[in-house]
Each structure stands twice: as C-alpha cells, then as structure tokens.
C-alpha cells in the first residue's frame, strides 16, 4: 500500500491531468459537437481547480455544502468553458477568472 502511494506522488505535478483533460475536452468540442464543458472540484482540493484554470475554464461559482461525503458536508467549486472560447485557444481565459478567496474554502 505504501509503495502505491509513493508511485502516485511521483506522477503528481507533471501536467498529466491537464493534458488528459485537454484531449477529452477537445474531443468533445471537435468530434461530438458539444457546446459547453464543465468541471468541478471540492474546495479542499485546490490542485484540481488549478487544472481547470490551466484549461482556460472560467470560475462559475461555489455550491456551498452541496455534497454529503464521509460524514460531513463539502462545498463544490464549478468551472466551465464554451466551445467558442475553446476555439479561440485554451489559454484565452487562463488566470482571468480565479475564484475569490473566502474563509473555509481552502483556496
């Protein structure tokens, strides 16, 4: 169990999640014809939010206490991007729409 955790940590921070998500979103917009793509993450996991920001997604809001998980309520941060924005380039909105820092959001 410990070696699996160490192997997993070795993979963090290399951009693999961003690269994979970018490929999936591109497929959705170009091959399937989606109009909008979205992502969300728990407030206690800001690294996932950074992946969504790197993709050029815009912060759309926070659903406070939206999920009950492991005996407690957790808030969810939402991001989205439209096909027209994606066509303009995935970095069009990067860094422009960071979520506000609020007490208790772990941001």
N, C-alpha and C. Protein backbone atom coordinates (compact mmCIF):
# COMPACT_ATOMS: atom_id res chain seq x y z
N UNK A 1 0.83 -1.19 0.00
CA UNK A 1 0.00 0.00 0.00
C UNK A 1 0.88 1.25 0.00
N UNK A 2 1.92 1.25 0.78
CA UNK A 2 2.78 2.42 0.87
C UNK A 2 3.49 2.69 -0.46
N UNK A 3 3.93 1.65 -1.15
CA UNK A 3 4.63 1.85 -2.41
C UNK A 3 3.70 2.42 -3.48
N UNK A 4 2.43 2.04 -3.46
CA UNK A 4 1.46 2.60 -4.41
C UNK A 4 1.30 4.10 -4.17
N UNK A 5 1.26 4.51 -2.93
CA UNK A 5 1.13 5.92 -2.61
C UNK A 5 2.35 6.69 -3.08
N UNK A 6 3.53 6.14 -2.87
CA UNK A 6 4.76 6.80 -3.32
C UNK A 6 4.80 6.91 -4.84
N UNK A 7 4.38 5.85 -5.54
CA UNK A 7 4.34 5.88 -7.00
C UNK A 7 3.37 6.95 -7.49
N UNK A 8 2.24 7.06 -6.83
CA UNK A 8 1.23 8.05 -7.21
C UNK A 8 1.78 9.47 -7.03
N UNK A 9 2.45 9.71 -5.94
CA UNK A 9 3.02 11.05 -5.70
C UNK A 9 4.08 11.39 -6.73
N UNK A 10 4.79 10.40 -7.22
CA UNK A 10 5.82 10.65 -8.22
C UNK A 10 5.22 11.19 -9.52
N UNK A 11 3.97 10.85 -9.78
CA UNK A 11 3.30 11.28 -11.00
C UNK A 11 2.67 12.66 -10.90
N UNK A 12 2.54 13.18 -9.69
CA UNK A 12 1.89 14.48 -9.49
C UNK A 12 2.78 15.62 -9.97
N UNK A 13 2.14 16.66 -10.48
CA UNK A 13 2.86 17.88 -10.83
C UNK A 13 3.54 17.88 -12.19
N UNK A 14 3.25 16.90 -13.03
CA UNK A 14 3.87 16.83 -14.35
C UNK A 14 2.92 17.26 -15.47
N UNK A 15 1.71 17.66 -15.12
CA UNK A 15 0.76 18.11 -16.13
C UNK A 15 -0.02 17.01 -16.81
N UNK A 16 0.04 15.79 -16.29
CA UNK A 16 -0.67 14.69 -16.93
C UNK A 16 -2.19 14.88 -16.89
N UNK A 17 -2.71 15.36 -15.77
CA UNK A 17 -4.16 15.57 -15.65
C UNK A 17 -4.61 16.66 -16.62
N UNK A 18 -3.84 17.73 -16.74
CA UNK A 18 -4.19 18.82 -17.65
C UNK A 18 -4.16 18.32 -19.10
N UNK A 19 -3.14 17.57 -19.44
CA UNK A 19 -3.01 17.05 -20.81
C UNK A 19 -4.17 16.12 -21.15
N UNK A 20 -4.52 15.24 -20.24
CA UNK A 20 -5.61 14.30 -20.48
C UNK A 20 -6.95 15.03 -20.59
N UNK A 21 -7.19 15.98 -19.69
CA UNK A 21 -8.45 16.73 -19.72
C UNK A 21 -8.55 17.56 -20.99
N UNK A 22 -7.44 18.16 -21.43
CA UNK A 22 -7.43 18.94 -22.67
C UNK A 22 -7.82 18.06 -23.86
N UNK A 23 -7.30 16.85 -23.91
CA UNK A 23 -7.63 15.94 -25.01
C UNK A 23 -9.11 15.56 -24.98
N UNK A 24 -9.65 15.31 -23.82
CA UNK A 24 -11.06 14.94 -23.69
C UNK A 24 -11.96 16.10 -24.10
N UNK A 25 -11.65 17.32 -23.64
CA UNK A 25 -12.47 18.48 -23.98
C UNK A 25 -12.39 18.78 -25.48
N UNK A 26 -11.20 18.70 -26.04
CA UNK A 26 -11.04 18.92 -27.49
C UNK A 26 -11.89 17.91 -28.26
N UNK A 27 -11.84 16.65 -27.86
CA UNK A 27 -12.67 15.63 -28.50
C UNK A 27 -14.15 15.99 -28.39
N UNK A 28 -14.58 16.41 -27.21
CA UNK A 28 -15.99 16.77 -27.02
C UNK A 28 -16.43 17.91 -27.92
N UNK A 29 -15.60 18.92 -28.06
CA UNK A 29 -15.97 20.06 -28.89
C UNK A 29 -15.83 19.77 -30.38
N UNK A 30 -14.75 19.12 -30.80
CA UNK A 30 -14.49 18.95 -32.23
C UNK A 30 -15.20 17.73 -32.83
N UNK A 31 -15.23 16.61 -32.12
CA UNK A 31 -15.79 15.39 -32.68
C UNK A 31 -17.27 15.17 -32.33
N UNK A 32 -17.65 15.55 -31.13
CA UNK A 32 -19.03 15.32 -30.70
C UNK A 32 -19.90 16.56 -30.93
N UNK A 33 -19.29 17.73 -30.95
CA UNK A 33 -20.05 18.96 -31.16
C UNK A 33 -20.68 19.53 -29.90
N UNK A 34 -20.06 19.29 -28.76
CA UNK A 34 -20.58 19.86 -27.52
C UNK A 34 -20.53 21.38 -27.57
N UNK A 35 -21.44 22.00 -26.84
CA UNK A 35 -21.48 23.46 -26.75
C UNK A 35 -20.72 23.95 -25.51
N UNK A 36 -20.72 23.15 -24.46
CA UNK A 36 -20.14 23.57 -23.18
C UNK A 36 -19.50 22.38 -22.49
N UNK A 37 -18.40 22.64 -21.83
CA UNK A 37 -17.76 21.62 -20.97
C UNK A 37 -17.60 22.23 -19.59
N UNK A 38 -17.68 21.40 -18.58
CA UNK A 38 -17.53 21.92 -17.23
C UNK A 38 -16.73 20.95 -16.37
N UNK A 39 -16.23 21.47 -15.29
CA UNK A 39 -15.52 20.68 -14.30
C UNK A 39 -15.83 21.22 -12.92
N UNK A 40 -15.68 20.39 -11.95
CA UNK A 40 -15.91 20.84 -10.57
C UNK A 40 -14.99 20.08 -9.64
N UNK A 41 -14.76 20.66 -8.49
CA UNK A 41 -13.88 20.02 -7.51
C UNK A 41 -14.29 20.45 -6.11
N UNK A 42 -13.92 19.64 -5.14
CA UNK A 42 -14.17 20.01 -3.76
C UNK A 42 -13.23 21.14 -3.35
N UNK A 43 -13.70 22.01 -2.50
CA UNK A 43 -12.89 23.15 -2.09
C UNK A 43 -11.60 22.71 -1.38
N UNK A 44 -11.60 21.53 -0.80
CA UNK A 44 -10.40 21.07 -0.11
C UNK A 44 -9.32 20.55 -1.06
N UNK A 45 -9.60 20.60 -2.38
CA UNK A 45 -8.65 20.10 -3.37
C UNK A 45 -8.34 21.18 -4.41
N UNK A 46 -7.64 22.23 -4.01
CA UNK A 46 -7.37 23.33 -4.95
C UNK A 46 -6.50 22.94 -6.13
N UNK A 47 -5.73 21.85 -6.04
CA UNK A 47 -4.91 21.41 -7.17
C UNK A 47 -5.80 21.07 -8.37
N UNK A 48 -6.95 20.48 -8.12
CA UNK A 48 -7.88 20.19 -9.22
C UNK A 48 -8.40 21.47 -9.84
N UNK A 49 -8.60 22.48 -9.04
CA UNK A 49 -9.02 23.78 -9.56
C UNK A 49 -7.97 24.40 -10.45
N UNK A 50 -6.71 24.22 -10.11
CA UNK A 50 -5.63 24.75 -10.94
C UNK A 50 -5.61 24.07 -12.31
N UNK A 51 -5.93 22.78 -12.34
CA UNK A 51 -6.01 22.08 -13.63
C UNK A 51 -7.09 22.72 -14.49
N UNK A 52 -8.25 22.97 -13.92
CA UNK A 52 -9.35 23.57 -14.67
C UNK A 52 -9.00 24.98 -15.14
N UNK A 53 -8.28 25.73 -14.31
CA UNK A 53 -7.85 27.07 -14.70
C UNK A 53 -6.86 27.00 -15.86
N UNK A 54 -5.94 26.05 -15.80
CA UNK A 54 -4.95 25.90 -16.88
C UNK A 54 -5.62 25.58 -18.21
N UNK A 55 -6.78 24.93 -18.15
CA UNK A 55 -7.52 24.60 -19.36
C UNK A 55 -8.25 25.80 -19.93
N UNK A 56 -8.25 26.91 -19.21
CA UNK A 56 -8.93 28.11 -19.67
C UNK A 56 -10.38 28.19 -19.23
N UNK A 57 -10.77 27.32 -18.32
CA UNK A 57 -12.14 27.37 -17.82
C UNK A 57 -12.32 28.57 -16.91
N UNK A 58 -13.54 29.09 -16.91
CA UNK A 58 -13.86 30.23 -16.06
C UNK A 58 -14.55 29.76 -14.79
N UNK A 59 -14.21 30.40 -13.70
CA UNK A 59 -14.86 30.10 -12.42
C UNK A 59 -16.31 30.54 -12.51
N UNK A 60 -17.23 29.62 -12.21
CA UNK A 60 -18.66 29.91 -12.34
C UNK A 60 -19.38 29.98 -11.01
N UNK A 61 -18.74 29.56 -9.95
CA UNK A 61 -19.39 29.66 -8.65
C UNK A 61 -19.00 28.55 -7.70
N UNK A 62 -19.54 28.66 -6.49
CA UNK A 62 -19.31 27.67 -5.45
C UNK A 62 -20.67 27.20 -4.94
N UNK A 63 -20.87 25.91 -4.94
CA UNK A 63 -22.07 25.34 -4.33
C UNK A 63 -21.71 24.96 -2.91
N UNK A 64 -22.17 25.77 -1.98
CA UNK A 64 -21.81 25.55 -0.58
C UNK A 64 -22.53 24.33 -0.02
N UNK A 65 -21.76 23.50 0.68
CA UNK A 65 -22.30 22.29 1.32
C UNK A 65 -23.18 21.48 0.37
N UNK A 66 -22.72 21.32 -0.86
CA UNK A 66 -23.52 20.65 -1.89
C UNK A 66 -23.50 19.13 -1.80
N UNK A 67 -22.46 18.57 -1.22
CA UNK A 67 -22.31 17.11 -1.14
C UNK A 67 -22.11 16.68 0.31
N UNK A 68 -22.74 15.58 0.64
CA UNK A 68 -22.50 14.98 1.96
C UNK A 68 -21.59 13.79 1.73
N UNK A 69 -20.37 13.87 2.24
CA UNK A 69 -19.36 12.85 1.96
C UNK A 69 -18.58 12.55 3.22
N UNK A 70 -18.45 11.29 3.53
CA UNK A 70 -17.70 10.82 4.69
C UNK A 70 -18.12 11.53 5.99
N UNK A 71 -19.42 11.67 6.13
CA UNK A 71 -19.95 12.20 7.38
C UNK A 71 -19.97 13.71 7.52
N UNK A 72 -19.65 14.44 6.44
CA UNK A 72 -19.71 15.90 6.54
C UNK A 72 -20.07 16.50 5.20
N UNK A 73 -20.58 17.72 5.24
CA UNK A 73 -20.92 18.43 4.02
C UNK A 73 -19.67 19.06 3.42
N UNK A 74 -19.60 19.06 2.08
CA UNK A 74 -18.46 19.67 1.38
C UNK A 74 -18.97 20.60 0.29
N UNK A 75 -18.26 21.69 0.12
CA UNK A 75 -18.60 22.64 -0.93
C UNK A 75 -17.89 22.26 -2.22
N UNK A 76 -18.51 22.62 -3.35
CA UNK A 76 -18.01 22.27 -4.67
C UNK A 76 -17.80 23.54 -5.48
N UNK A 77 -16.63 23.66 -6.10
CA UNK A 77 -16.30 24.80 -6.96
C UNK A 77 -16.55 24.38 -8.41
N UNK A 78 -17.20 25.26 -9.18
CA UNK A 78 -17.56 24.92 -10.55
C UNK A 78 -16.83 25.83 -11.55
N UNK A 79 -16.40 25.22 -12.65
CA UNK A 79 -15.74 25.91 -13.75
C UNK A 79 -16.39 25.48 -15.05
N UNK A 80 -16.33 26.32 -16.09
CA UNK A 80 -16.88 25.95 -17.38
C UNK A 80 -16.20 26.69 -18.51
N UNK A 81 -16.35 26.14 -19.71
CA UNK A 81 -15.82 26.76 -20.92
C UNK A 81 -16.79 26.44 -22.06
N UNK A 82 -17.00 27.42 -22.93
CA UNK A 82 -17.86 27.25 -24.09
C UNK A 82 -17.01 26.89 -25.31
N UNK A 83 -17.63 26.23 -26.28
CA UNK A 83 -16.91 25.82 -27.48
C UNK A 83 -16.27 27.02 -28.18
N UNK A 84 -16.97 28.15 -28.25
CA UNK A 84 -16.42 29.34 -28.91
C UNK A 84 -15.17 29.85 -28.19
N UNK A 85 -15.16 29.75 -26.87
CA UNK A 85 -13.98 30.15 -26.10
C UNK A 85 -12.83 29.18 -26.33
N UNK A 86 -13.15 27.92 -26.41
CA UNK A 86 -12.13 26.88 -26.63
C UNK A 86 -11.49 27.05 -28.00
N UNK A 87 -12.32 27.36 -29.01
CA UNK A 87 -11.82 27.57 -30.37
C UNK A 87 -10.86 28.75 -30.44
N UNK A 88 -11.06 29.73 -29.54
CA UNK A 88 -10.17 30.88 -29.50
C UNK A 88 -8.82 30.52 -28.91
N UNK A 89 -8.74 29.35 -28.30
CA UNK A 89 -7.49 28.87 -27.71
C UNK A 89 -7.70 28.57 -26.25
N UNK A 90 -7.16 27.45 -25.76
CA UNK A 90 -7.39 27.04 -24.38
C UNK A 90 -6.80 27.99 -23.35
N UNK A 91 -5.89 28.87 -23.74
CA UNK A 91 -5.30 29.79 -22.77
C UNK A 91 -5.96 31.16 -22.79
N UNK A 92 -7.05 31.32 -23.53
CA UNK A 92 -7.71 32.61 -23.67
C UNK A 92 -8.11 33.20 -22.33
N UNK A 93 -8.64 32.38 -21.43
CA UNK A 93 -9.14 32.88 -20.17
C UNK A 93 -8.26 32.50 -18.98
N UNK A 94 -7.15 31.88 -19.22
CA UNK A 94 -6.31 31.41 -18.12
C UNK A 94 -5.89 32.57 -17.24
N UNK A 95 -6.13 32.41 -15.96
CA UNK A 95 -5.70 33.41 -14.99
C UNK A 95 -6.65 34.59 -14.84
N UNK A 96 -7.70 34.68 -15.66
CA UNK A 96 -8.60 35.82 -15.60
C UNK A 96 -9.75 35.63 -14.64
N UNK A 97 -10.05 34.41 -14.29
CA UNK A 97 -11.27 34.19 -13.51
C UNK A 97 -11.02 33.31 -12.31
N UNK A 98 -10.03 33.64 -11.54
CA UNK A 98 -9.73 32.85 -10.36
C UNK A 98 -10.83 33.06 -9.32
N UNK A 99 -11.16 32.03 -8.59
CA UNK A 99 -12.23 32.16 -7.62
C UNK A 99 -11.83 33.07 -6.48
N UNK A 100 -12.80 33.73 -5.89
CA UNK A 100 -12.49 34.58 -4.75
C UNK A 100 -12.04 33.73 -3.57
N UNK A 101 -11.14 34.26 -2.78
CA UNK A 101 -10.70 33.56 -1.58
C UNK A 101 -11.69 33.89 -0.47
N UNK A 102 -12.30 32.86 0.08
CA UNK A 102 -13.28 33.03 1.13
C UNK A 102 -12.88 32.16 2.31
N UNK A 103 -13.17 32.59 3.51
CA UNK A 103 -12.88 31.74 4.66
C UNK A 103 -13.56 30.38 4.51
N UNK A 104 -12.81 29.34 4.76
CA UNK A 104 -13.38 28.00 4.74
C UNK A 104 -13.37 27.33 3.38
N UNK A 105 -12.88 28.00 2.32
CA UNK A 105 -12.91 27.39 1.01
C UNK A 105 -11.60 26.68 0.68
N UNK A 106 -10.58 26.78 1.52
CA UNK A 106 -9.29 26.12 1.31
C UNK A 106 -8.60 26.61 0.05
N UNK A 107 -8.85 27.81 -0.34
CA UNK A 107 -8.23 28.34 -1.56
C UNK A 107 -7.09 29.28 -1.20
